[in-house]
Amino acid sequence: MNAIRPTRAADLIVIQEIEFAAGELFRDVGMPDIADHPVPTIEALTEFVRAGRSWVFAGDEDIPVAFILVMPVDGLAHIEQVSVHPAYAHRGIGRRLIDHVDAWAAGRGLRALTLTTFRGVPWNGPYYERIGFATLDPGERGPELVRLMAEEARHGLDPAQRIAMRRDIVTRR
């Protein structure tokens, strides 16, 4: 199939498998605690599906190989998670999902995409910079994003390694 489509309930186990496989890559950069971080629960994923803010990139036989989850934060489209199964990495799938969310957000009159990520992991901060995201200084973060990052810290993500990023919508309505 090789297309982006809304996530279905039947995809949720596969999404968990994608997230687990993608998380394993953190072992290679000395971050085993991130690799061991639990994948999103079926209940949490179901909420994104119900809200219409979850999409997959479906490969052969309509089986997901990547996914993206979005939530509203400070009136913007916040990318909560985007993961590509490592077997499908470096094919532009993650960028296609992000561009899909860009168009979705533009259609709703939203001005930008935001996300939080690891500063130095090559497929995190540096990757997002290459596709047009800019790091936000602490004073540029909205109150909901500040709370979200504090919650990440409470769940064990080192604030010194984390950054918030923003990309203005590039899709024109």
Protein backbone atom coordinates (compact mmCIF):
# COMPACT_ATOMS: atom_id res chain seq x y z
CA MET A 1 0.00 0.00 0.00
CA ASN A 2 2.69 2.53 1.04
CA ALA A 3 0.31 5.27 2.14
CA ILE A 4 -0.59 7.38 5.15
CA ARG A 5 -3.96 6.64 6.68
CA PRO A 6 -5.74 7.12 10.01
CA THR A 7 -4.81 4.60 12.67
CA ARG A 8 -7.32 1.82 13.28
CA ALA A 9 -7.89 -0.11 16.50
CA ALA A 10 -6.43 -3.18 14.79
CA ASP A 11 -3.12 -1.29 14.32
CA LEU A 12 -2.44 -0.62 18.00
CA ILE A 13 -0.44 -3.78 18.77
CA VAL A 14 1.67 -3.16 15.66
CA ILE A 15 2.26 0.44 16.79
CA GLN A 16 3.53 -0.86 20.12
CA GLU A 17 5.88 -3.21 18.24
CA ILE A 18 7.16 -0.34 16.08
CA GLU A 19 7.78 1.79 19.17
CA PHE A 20 9.64 -1.06 20.90
CA ALA A 21 11.85 -1.68 17.84
CA ALA A 22 12.56 2.03 17.38
CA GLY A 23 13.35 2.38 21.08
CA GLU A 24 15.99 -0.33 20.84
CA LEU A 25 18.12 2.06 18.74
CA PHE A 26 18.79 4.10 21.88
CA ARG A 27 20.99 1.26 23.17
CA ASP A 28 23.42 2.07 20.35
CA VAL A 29 23.85 5.65 21.61
CA GLY A 30 24.37 4.73 25.26
CA MET A 31 20.80 5.35 26.41
CA PRO A 32 19.56 1.93 27.55
CA ASP A 33 17.14 3.54 30.01
CA ILE A 34 15.28 5.07 27.06
CA ALA A 35 15.25 1.74 25.24
CA ASP A 36 13.74 0.18 28.38
CA HIS A 37 11.05 2.89 28.66
CA PRO A 38 7.57 1.33 28.36
CA VAL A 39 5.74 1.68 25.05
CA PRO A 40 2.43 3.57 25.05
CA THR A 41 -0.47 1.54 26.41
CA ILE A 42 -3.34 0.42 24.21
CA GLU A 43 -5.57 2.73 26.24
CA ALA A 44 -3.36 5.76 25.58
CA LEU A 45 -3.11 4.93 21.88
CA THR A 46 -6.88 4.44 21.69
CA GLU A 47 -7.39 8.00 22.94
CA PHE A 48 -5.32 9.36 20.02
CA VAL A 49 -7.33 7.23 17.58
CA ARG A 50 -10.66 8.36 19.03
CA ALA A 51 -9.57 12.00 18.82
CA GLY A 52 -8.53 11.58 15.17
CA ARG A 53 -4.92 12.49 15.91
CA SER A 54 -3.07 9.29 15.01
CA TRP A 55 -1.88 8.18 11.58
CA VAL A 56 0.20 5.31 10.27
CA PHE A 57 2.31 4.81 7.22
CA ALA A 58 1.05 1.48 5.92
CA GLY A 59 3.44 -0.70 3.97
CA ASP A 60 2.79 -3.93 2.15
CA GLU A 61 -0.54 -5.60 2.89
CA ASP A 62 -1.67 -2.42 4.68
CA ILE A 63 0.49 -3.21 7.74
CA PRO A 64 1.85 -0.12 9.56
CA VAL A 65 5.62 0.44 9.49
CA ALA A 66 5.52 3.89 11.14
CA PHE A 67 3.14 6.08 13.11
CA ILE A 68 2.62 9.60 14.41
CA LEU A 69 0.59 10.84 17.38
CA VAL A 70 -0.49 14.47 17.74
CA MET A 71 -2.10 16.47 20.53
CA PRO A 72 -3.03 20.11 21.02
CA VAL A 73 -0.49 22.02 23.10
CA ASP A 74 -0.68 25.80 23.49
CA GLY A 75 -3.02 26.00 20.50
CA LEU A 76 -0.50 24.29 18.20
CA ALA A 77 -0.18 20.75 16.80
CA HIS A 78 2.26 18.99 19.10
CA ILE A 79 3.88 15.81 17.79
CA GLU A 80 3.73 13.55 20.81
CA GLN A 81 5.49 10.68 19.07
CA VAL A 82 6.69 9.76 15.61
CA SER A 83 8.37 6.39 15.16
CA VAL A 84 9.51 4.40 12.15
CA HIS A 85 10.37 0.72 12.39
CA PRO A 86 14.17 0.51 11.94
CA ALA A 87 13.74 -1.86 8.98
CA TYR A 88 12.08 1.06 7.14
CA ALA A 89 14.35 3.89 8.32
CA HIS A 90 16.06 6.36 5.98
CA ARG A 91 13.28 6.25 3.39
CA GLY A 92 11.63 9.58 4.23
CA ILE A 93 8.66 7.97 5.96
CA GLY A 94 8.97 10.00 9.16
CA ARG A 95 9.15 13.22 7.18
CA ARG A 96 6.10 12.21 5.15
CA LEU A 97 4.16 11.65 8.38
CA ILE A 98 5.28 15.04 9.72
CA ASP A 99 4.31 16.74 6.45
CA HIS A 100 0.91 15.00 6.66
CA VAL A 101 0.41 16.48 10.12
CA ASP A 102 1.53 19.86 8.78
CA ALA A 103 -1.27 19.73 6.17
CA TRP A 104 -3.76 18.49 8.78
CA ALA A 105 -2.81 21.37 11.10
CA ALA A 106 -3.00 23.92 8.27
CA GLY A 107 -6.53 22.73 7.53
CA ARG A 108 -7.46 23.54 11.12
CA GLY A 109 -5.89 27.00 11.07
CA LEU A 110 -3.02 26.03 13.38
CA ARG A 111 0.17 28.07 12.99
CA ALA A 112 2.89 25.60 13.89
CA LEU A 113 4.03 22.14 14.89
CA THR A 114 5.94 21.54 18.12
CA LEU A 115 7.70 18.57 19.61
CA THR A 116 10.13 17.64 22.36
CA THR A 117 13.13 15.48 21.66
CA PHE A 118 16.69 14.61 22.59
CA ARG A 119 19.20 17.34 21.80
CA GLY A 120 22.09 15.23 20.58
CA VAL A 121 20.67 11.96 19.26
CA PRO A 122 21.25 12.08 15.47
CA TRP A 123 17.71 11.01 14.53
CA ASN A 124 16.21 13.46 17.03
CA GLY A 125 17.28 17.12 17.39
CA PRO A 126 19.68 17.25 14.42
CA TYR A 127 17.16 15.47 12.17
CA TYR A 128 14.32 17.83 13.08
CA GLU A 129 16.56 20.83 12.42
CA ARG A 130 17.22 19.50 8.91
CA ILE A 131 13.48 19.41 8.21
CA GLY A 132 12.79 22.94 9.39
CA PHE A 133 12.29 22.79 13.17
CA ALA A 134 14.05 25.32 15.37
CA THR A 135 14.92 24.90 19.04
CA LEU A 136 12.82 27.01 21.37
CA ASP A 137 14.52 28.88 24.18
CA PRO A 138 12.84 28.26 27.55
CA GLY A 139 11.15 31.67 27.41
CA GLU A 140 9.59 30.85 24.02
CA ARG A 141 7.74 27.80 25.32
CA GLY A 142 4.05 28.13 26.07
CA PRO A 143 2.67 27.14 29.50
CA GLU A 144 1.34 23.76 28.33
CA LEU A 145 4.66 22.87 26.71
CA VAL A 146 6.48 23.85 29.92
CA ARG A 147 4.16 21.51 31.88
CA LEU A 148 4.66 18.72 29.34
CA MET A 149 8.44 18.95 29.65
CA ALA A 150 8.18 18.95 33.46
CA GLU A 151 6.08 15.78 33.19
CA GLU A 152 8.75 14.21 30.96
CA ALA A 153 11.34 14.99 33.63
CA ARG A 154 9.15 13.34 36.29
CA HIS A 155 9.11 10.24 34.08
CA GLY A 156 12.90 10.11 34.03
CA LEU A 157 13.83 12.06 30.89
CA ASP A 158 16.87 14.21 31.71
CA PRO A 159 15.89 17.87 31.10
CA ALA A 160 19.51 18.68 30.21
CA GLN A 161 19.23 16.33 27.22
CA ARG A 162 15.77 17.48 26.10
CA ILE A 163 14.77 20.34 23.82
CA ALA A 164 11.49 21.75 22.55
CA MET A 165 11.27 22.57 18.87
CA ARG A 166 8.86 24.39 16.60
CA ARG A 167 8.23 24.53 12.86
CA ASP A 168 5.80 27.02 11.38
CA ILE A 169 3.23 25.42 9.12
CA VAL A 170 4.62 25.09 5.61
CA THR A 171 1.49 23.78 3.87
CA ARG A 172 -0.49 26.52 2.22
CA ARG A 173 -4.27 26.29 2.40
